[in-house]
PDB file of N, CA and C in Angstrom:
ATOM      1  N   MET A   1     130.883 114.730 105.166  1.00  0.00           N
ATOM      2  CA  MET A   1     129.832 115.691 105.387  1.00  0.00           C
ATOM      3  C   MET A   1     128.541 114.950 105.723  1.00  0.00           C
ATOM      4  N   ILE A   2     127.852 115.392 106.739  1.00  0.00           N
ATOM      5  CA  ILE A   2     126.577 114.804 107.129  1.00  0.00           C
ATOM      6  C   ILE A   2     125.464 115.639 106.508  1.00  0.00           C
ATOM      7  N   VAL A   3     124.469 114.954 105.923  1.00  0.00           N
ATOM      8  CA  VAL A   3     123.382 115.643 105.240  1.00  0.00           C
ATOM      9  C   VAL A   3     122.028 115.134 105.721  1.00  0.00           C
ATOM     10  N   LEU A   4     121.023 115.994 105.619  1.00  0.00           N
ATOM     11  CA  LEU A   4     119.631 115.622 105.849  1.00  0.00           C
ATOM     12  C   LEU A   4     119.014 115.431 104.474  1.00  0.00           C
ATOM     13  N   LYS A   5     118.391 114.282 104.262  1.00  0.00           N
ATOM     14  CA  LYS A   5     117.903 113.968 102.920  1.00  0.00           C
ATOM     15  C   LYS A   5     116.548 113.276 102.992  1.00  0.00           C
ATOM     16  N   ASN A   6     115.640 113.711 102.133  1.00  0.00           N
ATOM     17  CA  ASN A   6     114.375 113.002 101.952  1.00  0.00           C
ATOM     18  C   ASN A   6     114.610 111.966 100.843  1.00  0.00           C
ATOM     19  N   PHE A   7     114.802 110.706 101.244  1.00  0.00           N
ATOM     20  CA  PHE A   7     115.070 109.654 100.268  1.00  0.00           C
ATOM     21  C   PHE A   7     113.925 109.477  99.286  1.00  0.00           C
ATOM     22  N   MET A   8     112.723 109.798  99.704  1.00  0.00           N
ATOM     23  CA  MET A   8     111.578 109.608  98.819  1.00  0.00           C
ATOM     24  C   MET A   8     111.749 110.417  97.536  1.00  0.00           C
ATOM     25  N   GLU A   9     112.400 111.584  97.617  1.00  0.00           N
ATOM     26  CA  GLU A   9     112.643 112.377  96.404  1.00  0.00           C
ATOM     27  C   GLU A   9     113.474 111.596  95.394  1.00  0.00           C
ATOM     28  N   GLU A  10     114.546 110.989  95.853  1.00  0.00           N
ATOM     29  CA  GLU A  10     115.412 110.213  94.952  1.00  0.00           C
ATOM     30  C   GLU A  10     114.637 109.060  94.324  1.00  0.00           C
ATOM     31  N   LEU A  11     113.874 108.368  95.151  1.00  0.00           N
ATOM     32  CA  LEU A  11     113.126 107.217  94.663  1.00  0.00           C
ATOM     33  C   LEU A  11     112.070 107.627  93.640  1.00  0.00           C
ATOM     34  N   VAL A  12     111.388 108.737  93.902  1.00  0.00           N
ATOM     35  CA  VAL A  12     110.358 109.214  92.977  1.00  0.00           C
ATOM     36  C   VAL A  12     110.985 109.681  91.668  1.00  0.00           C
ATOM     37  N   PHE A  13     112.077 110.429  91.732  1.00  0.00           N
ATOM     38  CA  PHE A  13     112.716 110.882  90.495  1.00  0.00           C
ATOM     39  C   PHE A  13     113.195 109.702  89.650  1.00  0.00           C
ATOM     40  N   ASP A  14     113.712 108.658  90.299  1.00  0.00           N
ATOM     41  CA  ASP A  14     114.110 107.456  89.557  1.00  0.00           C
ATOM     42  C   ASP A  14     112.894 106.815  88.890  1.00  0.00           C
ATOM     43  N   ALA A  15     111.791 106.722  89.624  1.00  0.00           N
ATOM     44  CA  ALA A  15     110.573 106.118  89.070  1.00  0.00           C
ATOM     45  C   ALA A  15     110.007 106.955  87.926  1.00  0.00           C
ATOM     46  N   VAL A  16     110.068 108.276  88.057  1.00  0.00           N
ATOM     47  CA  VAL A  16     109.578 109.155  86.983  1.00  0.00           C
ATOM     48  C   VAL A  16     110.390 108.904  85.712  1.00  0.00           C
ATOM     49  N   LYS A  17     111.697 108.813  85.838  1.00  0.00           N
ATOM     50  CA  LYS A  17     112.545 108.542  84.662  1.00  0.00           C
ATOM     51  C   LYS A  17     112.192 107.202  84.037  1.00  0.00           C
ATOM     52  N   ASP A  18     112.074 106.157  84.875  1.00  0.00           N
ATOM     53  CA  ASP A  18     111.790 104.815  84.363  1.00  0.00           C
ATOM     54  C   ASP A  18     110.404 104.721  83.735  1.00  0.00           C
ATOM     55  N   LEU A  19     109.397 105.224  84.426  1.00  0.00           N
ATOM     56  CA  LEU A  19     108.022 105.085  83.940  1.00  0.00           C
ATOM     57  C   LEU A  19     107.724 105.987  82.756  1.00  0.00           C
ATOM     58  N   SER A  20     108.438 107.111  82.646  1.00  0.00           N
ATOM     59  CA  SER A  20     108.201 107.990  81.494  1.00  0.00           C
ATOM     60  C   SER A  20     108.644 107.322  80.196  1.00  0.00           C
ATOM     61  N   LYS A  21     109.547 106.351  80.296  1.00  0.00           N
ATOM     62  CA  LYS A  21     109.972 105.596  79.117  1.00  0.00           C
ATOM     63  C   LYS A  21     108.905 104.582  78.712  1.00  0.00           C
ATOM     64  N   GLU A  22     108.162 104.084  79.690  1.00  0.00           N
ATOM     65  CA  GLU A  22     107.168 103.042  79.449  1.00  0.00           C
ATOM     66  C   GLU A  22     105.783 103.596  79.146  1.00  0.00           C
ATOM     67  N   LEU A  23     105.456 104.738  79.742  1.00  0.00           N
ATOM     68  CA  LEU A  23     104.126 105.324  79.575  1.00  0.00           C
ATOM     69  C   LEU A  23     104.204 106.543  78.674  1.00  0.00           C
ATOM     70  N   SER A  24     103.124 106.846  78.035  1.00  0.00           N
ATOM     71  CA  SER A  24     103.082 107.985  77.128  1.00  0.00           C
ATOM     72  C   SER A  24     102.924 109.267  77.939  1.00  0.00           C
ATOM     73  N   VAL A  25     103.993 110.057  78.003  1.00  0.00           N
ATOM     74  CA  VAL A  25     103.974 111.303  78.760  1.00  0.00           C
ATOM     75  C   VAL A  25     104.986 112.269  78.145  1.00  0.00           C
ATOM     76  N   CYS A  26     104.656 113.534  78.190  1.00  0.00           N
ATOM     77  CA  CYS A  26     105.600 114.552  77.746  1.00  0.00           C
ATOM     78  C   CYS A  26     106.802 114.515  78.680  1.00  0.00           C
ATOM     79  N   THR A  27     107.996 114.541  78.128  1.00  0.00           N
ATOM     80  CA  THR A  27     109.202 114.445  78.951  1.00  0.00           C
ATOM     81  C   THR A  27     109.937 115.769  79.088  1.00  0.00           C
ATOM     82  N   CYS A  28     109.221 116.875  78.850  1.00  0.00           N
ATOM     83  CA  CYS A  28     109.862 118.168  79.077  1.00  0.00           C
ATOM     84  C   CYS A  28     110.084 118.342  80.584  1.00  0.00           C
ATOM     85  N   GLU A  29     110.977 119.230  80.937  1.00  0.00           N
ATOM     86  CA  GLU A  29     111.328 119.422  82.344  1.00  0.00           C
ATOM     87  C   GLU A  29     110.109 119.800  83.193  1.00  0.00           C
ATOM     88  N   LYS A  30     109.248 120.663  82.684  1.00  0.00           N
ATOM     89  CA  LYS A  30     108.069 121.107  83.426  1.00  0.00           C
ATOM     90  C   LYS A  30     107.151 119.929  83.740  1.00  0.00           C
ATOM     91  N   CYS A  31     106.863 119.105  82.758  1.00  0.00           N
ATOM     92  CA  CYS A  31     105.978 117.961  82.983  1.00  0.00           C
ATOM     93  C   CYS A  31     106.607 116.945  83.930  1.00  0.00           C
ATOM     94  N   MET A  32     107.881 116.682  83.777  1.00  0.00           N
ATOM     95  CA  MET A  32     108.547 115.724  84.657  1.00  0.00           C
ATOM     96  C   MET A  32     108.555 116.211  86.105  1.00  0.00           C
ATOM     97  N   LEU A  33     108.783 117.504  86.307  1.00  0.00           N
ATOM     98  CA  LEU A  33     108.755 118.056  87.665  1.00  0.00           C
ATOM     99  C   LEU A  33     107.333 118.070  88.221  1.00  0.00           C
ATOM    100  N   ASP A  34     106.342 118.333  87.363  1.00  0.00           N
ATOM    101  CA  ASP A  34     104.947 118.270  87.812  1.00  0.00           C
ATOM    102  C   ASP A  34     104.594 116.860  88.272  1.00  0.00           C
ATOM    103  N   VAL A  35     105.002 115.869  87.504  1.00  0.00           N
ATOM    104  CA  VAL A  35     104.745 114.470  87.870  1.00  0.00           C
ATOM    105  C   VAL A  35     105.393 114.164  89.222  1.00  0.00           C
ATOM    106  N   ALA A  36     106.649 114.545  89.377  1.00  0.00           N
ATOM    107  CA  ALA A  36     107.355 114.278  90.635  1.00  0.00           C
ATOM    108  C   ALA A  36     106.676 114.977  91.806  1.00  0.00           C
ATOM    109  N   ALA A  37     106.290 116.230  91.631  1.00  0.00           N
ATOM    110  CA  ALA A  37     105.659 116.992  92.717  1.00  0.00           C
ATOM    111  C   ALA A  37     104.330 116.363  93.123  1.00  0.00           C
ATOM    112  N   ILE A  38     103.526 115.977  92.149  1.00  0.00           N
ATOM    113  CA  ILE A  38     102.230 115.360  92.451  1.00  0.00           C
ATOM    114  C   ILE A  38     102.437 114.046  93.194  1.00  0.00           C
ATOM    115  N   ALA A  39     103.355 113.219  92.710  1.00  0.00           N
ATOM    116  CA  ALA A  39     103.624 111.933  93.363  1.00  0.00           C
ATOM    117  C   ALA A  39     104.162 112.135  94.780  1.00  0.00           C
ATOM    118  N   LEU A  40     105.099 113.065  94.952  1.00  0.00           N
ATOM    119  CA  LEU A  40     105.669 113.302  96.277  1.00  0.00           C
ATOM    120  C   LEU A  40     104.628 113.803  97.272  1.00  0.00           C
ATOM    121  N   ASN A  41     103.658 114.559  96.795  1.00  0.00           N
ATOM    122  CA  ASN A  41     102.597 115.030  97.685  1.00  0.00           C
ATOM    123  C   ASN A  41     101.686 113.896  98.144  1.00  0.00           C
ATOM    124  N   ASP A  42     101.679 112.785  97.416  1.00  0.00           N
ATOM    125  CA  ASP A  42     100.856 111.626  97.792  1.00  0.00           C
ATOM    126  C   ASP A  42     101.626 110.575  98.594  1.00  0.00           C
ATOM    127  N   LEU A  43     102.919 110.782  98.776  1.00  0.00           N
ATOM    128  CA  LEU A  43     103.761 109.809  99.474  1.00  0.00           C
ATOM    129  C   LEU A  43     104.312 110.410 100.767  1.00  0.00           C
ATOM    130  N   PRO A  44     104.546 109.573 101.758  1.00  0.00           N
ATOM    131  CA  PRO A  44     105.134 110.099 102.995  1.00  0.00           C
ATOM    132  C   PRO A  44     106.615 110.410 102.788  1.00  0.00           C
ATOM    133  N   PRO A  45     107.104 111.500 103.372  1.00  0.00           N
ATOM    134  CA  PRO A  45     108.541 111.773 103.275  1.00  0.00           C
ATOM    135  C   PRO A  45     109.311 110.752 104.105  1.00  0.00           C
ATOM    136  N   LYS A  46     110.526 110.475 103.711  1.00  0.00           N
ATOM    137  CA  LYS A  46     111.401 109.557 104.442  1.00  0.00           C
ATOM    138  C   LYS A  46     112.750 110.245 104.651  1.00  0.00           C
ATOM    139  N   TYR A  47     112.807 111.074 105.681  1.00  0.00           N
ATOM    140  CA  TYR A  47     114.024 111.832 105.969  1.00  0.00           C
ATOM    141  C   TYR A  47     115.003 111.001 106.781  1.00  0.00           C
ATOM    142  N   VAL A  48     116.266 111.113 106.429  1.00  0.00           N
ATOM    143  CA  VAL A  48     117.338 110.469 107.181  1.00  0.00           C
ATOM    144  C   VAL A  48     118.517 111.425 107.268  1.00  0.00           C
ATOM    145  N   VAL A  49     119.309 111.202 108.281  1.00  0.00           N
ATOM    146  CA  VAL A  49     120.575 111.919 108.409  1.00  0.00           C
ATOM    147  C   VAL A  49     121.652 110.895 108.098  1.00  0.00           C
ATOM    148  N   THR A  50     122.514 111.230 107.159  1.00  0.00           N
ATOM    149  CA  THR A  50     123.509 110.264 106.716  1.00  0.00           C
ATOM    150  C   THR A  50     124.756 110.974 106.238  1.00  0.00           C
ATOM    151  N   GLU A  51     125.829 110.212 106.172  1.00  0.00           N
ATOM    152  CA  GLU A  51     127.029 110.733 105.534  1.00  0.00           C
ATOM    153  C   GLU A  51     126.799 110.660 104.043  1.00  0.00           C
ATOM    154  N   LYS A  52     127.274 111.659 103.332  1.00  0.00           N
ATOM    155  CA  LYS A  52     126.986 111.767 101.898  1.00  0.00           C
ATOM    156  C   LYS A  52     127.339 110.492 101.135  1.00  0.00           C
ATOM    157  N   GLY A  53     128.440 109.864 101.420  1.00  0.00           N
ATOM    158  CA  GLY A  53     128.859 108.659 100.706  1.00  0.00           C
ATOM    159  C   GLY A  53     127.965 107.459 100.943  1.00  0.00           C
ATOM    160  N   LYS A  54     127.269 107.428 102.063  1.00  0.00           N
ATOM    161  CA  LYS A  54     126.402 106.298 102.392  1.00  0.00           C
ATOM    162  C   LYS A  54     124.983 106.492 101.884  1.00  0.00           C
ATOM    163  N   LEU A  55     124.720 107.619 101.290  1.00  0.00           N
ATOM    164  CA  LEU A  55     123.380 107.978 100.845  1.00  0.00           C
ATOM    165  C   LEU A  55     122.783 106.947  99.901  1.00  0.00           C
ATOM    166  N   TYR A  56     123.506 106.561  98.890  1.00  0.00           N
ATOM    167  CA  TYR A  56     122.928 105.721  97.848  1.00  0.00           C
ATOM    168  C   TYR A  56     122.768 104.271  98.260  1.00  0.00           C
ATOM    169  N   SER A  57     123.529 103.807  99.239  1.00  0.00           N
ATOM    170  CA  SER A  57     123.334 102.439  99.703  1.00  0.00           C
ATOM    171  C   SER A  57     121.991 102.300 100.409  1.00  0.00           C
ATOM    172  N   LYS A  58     121.529 103.356 101.078  1.00  0.00           N
ATOM    173  CA  LYS A  58     120.239 103.322 101.768  1.00  0.00           C
ATOM    174  C   LYS A  58     119.075 103.446 100.792  1.00  0.00           C
ATOM    175  N   ILE A  59     119.300 104.062  99.663  1.00  0.00           N
ATOM    176  CA  ILE A  59     118.229 104.244  98.681  1.00  0.00           C
ATOM    177  C   ILE A  59     117.679 102.896  98.219  1.00  0.00           C
ATOM    178  N   GLU A  60     118.535 101.936  97.958  1.00  0.00           N
ATOM    179  CA  GLU A  60     118.078 100.632  97.474  1.00  0.00           C
ATOM    180  C   GLU A  60     117.194  99.933  98.499  1.00  0.00           C
ATOM    181  N   THR A  61     117.546 100.027  99.770  1.00  0.00           N
ATOM    182  CA  THR A  61     116.737  99.416 100.818  1.00  0.00           C
ATOM    183  C   THR A  61     115.352 100.046 100.860  1.00  0.00           C
ATOM    184  N   LEU A  62     115.293 101.374 100.837  1.00  0.00           N
ATOM    185  CA  LEU A  62     114.005 102.054 100.874  1.00  0.00           C
ATOM    186  C   LEU A  62     113.211 101.814  99.598  1.00  0.00           C
ATOM    187  N   LYS A  63     113.905 101.709  98.477  1.00  0.00           N
ATOM    188  CA  LYS A  63     113.225 101.483  97.203  1.00  0.00           C
ATOM    189  C   LYS A  63     112.433 100.183  97.245  1.00  0.00           C
ATOM    190  N   GLN A  64     113.023  99.147  97.792  1.00  0.00           N
ATOM    191  CA  GLN A  64     112.333  97.862  97.885  1.00  0.00           C
ATOM    192  C   GLN A  64     111.127  97.958  98.810  1.00  0.00           C
ATOM    193  N   GLN A  65     111.241  98.715  99.894  1.00  0.00           N
ATOM    194  CA  GLN A  65     110.154  98.835 100.867  1.00  0.00           C
ATOM    195  C   GLN A  65     108.952  99.579 100.283  1.00  0.00           C
ATOM    196  N   PHE A  66     109.189 100.577  99.453  1.00  0.00           N
ATOM    197  CA  PHE A  66     108.117 101.457  99.007  1.00  0.00           C
ATOM    198  C   PHE A  66     107.836 101.387  97.509  1.00  0.00           C
ATOM    199  N   GLU A  67     108.396 100.413  96.816  1.00  0.00           N
ATOM    200  CA  GLU A  67     108.320 100.366  95.354  1.00  0.00           C
ATOM    201  C   GLU A  67     106.886 100.400  94.812  1.00  0.00           C
ATOM    202  N   VAL A  68     105.986  99.599  95.359  1.00  0.00           N
ATOM    203  CA  VAL A  68     104.610  99.559  94.850  1.00  0.00           C
ATOM    204  C   VAL A  68     103.929 100.905  95.054  1.00  0.00           C
ATOM    205  N   ASP A  69     104.094 101.500  96.238  1.00  0.00           N
ATOM    206  CA  ASP A  69     103.476 102.806  96.508  1.00  0.00           C
ATOM    207  C   ASP A  69     104.024 103.881  95.575  1.00  0.00           C
ATOM    208  N   ILE A  70     105.316 103.841  95.311  1.00  0.00           N
ATOM    209  CA  ILE A  70     105.946 104.837  94.445  1.00  0.00           C
ATOM    210  C   ILE A  70     105.457 104.682  93.011  1.00  0.00           C
ATOM    211  N   ILE A  71     105.436 103.460  92.516  1.00  0.00           N
ATOM    212  CA  ILE A  71     104.972 103.219  91.143  1.00  0.00           C
ATOM    213  C   ILE A  71     103.516 103.660  90.990  1.00  0.00           C
ATOM    214  N   THR A  72     102.693 103.357  91.982  1.00  0.00           N
ATOM    215  CA  THR A  72     101.283 103.754  91.935  1.00  0.00           C
ATOM    216  C   THR A  72     101.145 105.270  91.916  1.00  0.00           C
ATOM    217  N   ALA A  73     101.867 105.961  92.803  1.00  0.00           N
ATOM    218  CA  ALA A  73     101.771 107.425  92.891  1.00  0.00           C
ATOM    219  C   ALA A  73     102.283 108.090  91.618  1.00  0.00           C
ATOM    220  N   VAL A  74     103.385 107.597  91.068  1.00  0.00           N
ATOM    221  CA  VAL A  74     103.949 108.189  89.849  1.00  0.00           C
ATOM    222  C   VAL A  74     103.040 107.922  88.655  1.00  0.00           C
ATOM    223  N   THR A  75     102.470 106.733  88.567  1.00  0.00           N
ATOM    224  CA  THR A  75     101.559 106.421  87.464  1.00  0.00           C
ATOM    225  C   THR A  75     100.333 107.326  87.502  1.00  0.00           C
ATOM    226  N   LYS A  76      99.759 107.516  88.683  1.00  0.00           N
ATOM    227  CA  LYS A  76      98.613 108.419  88.819  1.00  0.00           C
ATOM    228  C   LYS A  76      99.005 109.846  88.452  1.00  0.00           C
ATOM    229  N   ALA A  77     100.190 110.259  88.866  1.00  0.00           N
ATOM    230  CA  ALA A  77     100.656 111.615  88.554  1.00  0.00           C
ATOM    231  C   ALA A  77     100.848 111.800  87.056  1.00  0.00           C
ATOM    232  N   ILE A  78     101.384 110.785  86.377  1.00  0.00           N
ATOM    233  CA  ILE A  78     101.556 110.851  84.925  1.00  0.00           C
ATOM    234  C   ILE A  78     100.196 111.001  84.242  1.00  0.00           C
ATOM    235  N   GLU A  79      99.211 110.230  84.693  1.00  0.00           N
ATOM    236  CA  GLU A  79      97.870 110.329  84.120  1.00  0.00           C
ATOM    237  C   GLU A  79      97.300 111.734  84.307  1.00  0.00           C
ATOM    238  N   LYS A  80      97.501 112.300  85.482  1.00  0.00           N
ATOM    239  CA  LYS A  80      96.989 113.641  85.777  1.00  0.00           C
ATOM    240  C   LYS A  80      97.661 114.696  84.903  1.00  0.00           C
ATOM    241  N   VAL A  81      98.975 114.613  84.754  1.00  0.00           N
ATOM    242  CA  VAL A  81      99.713 115.577  83.933  1.00  0.00           C
ATOM    243  C   VAL A  81      99.337 115.414  82.462  1.00  0.00           C
ATOM    244  N   ASN A  82      99.163 114.173  82.020  1.00  0.00           N
ATOM    245  CA  ASN A  82      98.756 113.939  80.630  1.00  0.00           C
ATOM    246  C   ASN A  82      97.409 114.588  80.321  1.00  0.00           C
ATOM    247  N   LYS A  83      96.496 114.555  81.279  1.00  0.00           N
ATOM    248  CA  LYS A  83      95.174 115.132  81.072  1.00  0.00           C
ATOM    249  C   LYS A  83      95.190 116.650  81.061  1.00  0.00           C
ATOM    250  N   ASN A  84      96.171 117.235  81.754  1.00  0.00           N
ATOM    251  CA  ASN A  84      96.204 118.687  81.868  1.00  0.00           C
ATOM    252  C   ASN A  84      97.641 119.203  81.973  1.00  0.00           C
ATOM    253  N   PRO A  85      98.412 119.112  80.866  1.00  0.00           N
ATOM    254  CA  PRO A  85      99.788 119.618  80.913  1.00  0.00           C
ATOM    255  C   PRO A  85      99.806 121.125  81.179  1.00  0.00           C
ATOM    256  N   GLN A  86     100.780 121.574  81.930  1.00  0.00           N
ATOM    257  CA  GLN A  86     100.817 122.965  82.368  1.00  0.00           C
ATOM    258  C   GLN A  86     101.785 123.828  81.567  1.00  0.00           C
ATOM    259  N   HIS A  87     101.941 123.508  80.291  1.00  0.00           N
ATOM    260  CA  HIS A  87     102.752 124.366  79.434  1.00  0.00           C
ATOM    261  C   HIS A  87     102.055 124.551  78.108  1.00  0.00           C
ATOM    262  N   GLU A  88     102.362 125.645  77.454  1.00  0.00           N
ATOM    263  CA  GLU A  88     101.668 125.995  76.213  1.00  0.00           C
ATOM    264  C   GLU A  88     102.052 125.095  75.067  1.00  0.00           C
ATOM    265  N   GLY A  89     101.092 124.882  74.168  1.00  0.00           N
ATOM    266  CA  GLY A  89     101.372 124.177  72.937  1.00  0.00           C
ATOM    267  C   GLY A  89     101.244 122.664  73.018  1.00  0.00           C
ATOM    268  N   VAL A  90     100.979 122.134  74.203  1.00  0.00           N
ATOM    269  CA  VAL A  90     100.860 120.676  74.343  1.00  0.00           C
ATOM    270  C   VAL A  90      99.459 120.362  74.827  1.00  0.00           C
ATOM    271  N   LYS A  91      98.778 119.489  74.131  1.00  0.00           N
ATOM    272  CA  LYS A  91      97.408 119.109  74.497  1.00  0.00           C
ATOM    273  C   LYS A  91      97.358 117.708  75.087  1.00  0.00           C
ATOM    274  N   GLY A  92      98.476 117.158  75.434  1.00  0.00           N
ATOM    275  CA  GLY A  92      98.536 115.786  75.928  1.00  0.00           C
ATOM    276  C   GLY A  92      99.369 114.943  74.977  1.00  0.00           C
ATOM    277  N   VAL A  93      99.698 113.774  75.408  1.00  0.00           N
ATOM    278  CA  VAL A  93     100.568 112.936  74.594  1.00  0.00           C
ATOM    279  C   VAL A  93      99.809 111.716  74.134  1.00  0.00           C
TER     280      VAL A  93
END
């Protein structure tokens, strides 16, 4: 099956998982998705057409190319979400 995929989404979600372990951030689904959305809005999309099985081999190549930009965008997004979480009962972490 051939698919259209924005690789940047995969890379950002991986970075959100990794950095949320290192930085103080609420790890509820809402906060994690907010972090990803904010970071993705600051990064250029990287769309490719690929066969589904070849998808993950390309992710590593792109990850190396954009790693610093992704880490920077996700870190800024975590800081923003920490300052203003969008769910009730949480005042920050």
